[in-house]
């Protein structure tokens, strides 16, 4: 199973910059998108009803053109959930849970804490609610992949200028601590495990001129893999060369029976 995750920062704009070509080249089995920023009826037919995929959309219900996630899969999901059970989170279109043969995928667009840090408590509470949901699955030994835009860099290796951003949302101590608690439930950050001491692997860059070309970025998009699936990971990688968004796609290959 090839799974890809990409914060497209507006699927309509990303499509104009080559999204469909990228999709055809990669040939994934499951596509998880964050920040779709559109209702399905606002998308082109190729994105609203992608050929060869079963598409599930969860747009934001409280603000047009904001947030929203989508999961496309070659095989129809065996189960779908769009909710954590807390309306203030569910109404923002931040989650799709899909069950497939041997794996449950959490496609998540975690909240941003905001430039003024006003949304940091909301973000931390979202993490806590998600962890409570995941603990039940882990206790049953399920194969789970949590993926998406976590809006948090784990360590100083995960952003180009850590000292300059110690007071910035995405690298606050309390944000990093709650991400570590999520991983400590038993998940594996499989990209970091494959590149334990390497700096320079980023998934998001500011739109300021020259920033991406100089690779001044952050790693805030992850695959977290449960113990039941860790031994089935055959490859995990970033695609920084793929343009169309301020994030790049990330790819996970699993050897499933």
Foldseek 3Di string as FASTA:
>chain_A
DKEKEEALLAVQLLVVVPPVVVCVVVVGQKYKYKLNQADLVVHDCCVSPNPQWDKDKQAAQPDHRGIIMMMIGNDDFPDKDQDLPDCVVSNHHFWIWTHDVQEIEIRGDQDWCDAVSVCVVVRLVVLVSVLVVVLVCVVVVGKYKYWYFSLAFQDPLFFDDLVVCCPPTRNDPSSNVSVVVSLVSAWDQVVCVVVVPHHLAAFAFDPDPPGLVVSRHGHRTTIIIHPSFPVFWDDKAWDSVDDSHRGTMIMTDGDDD
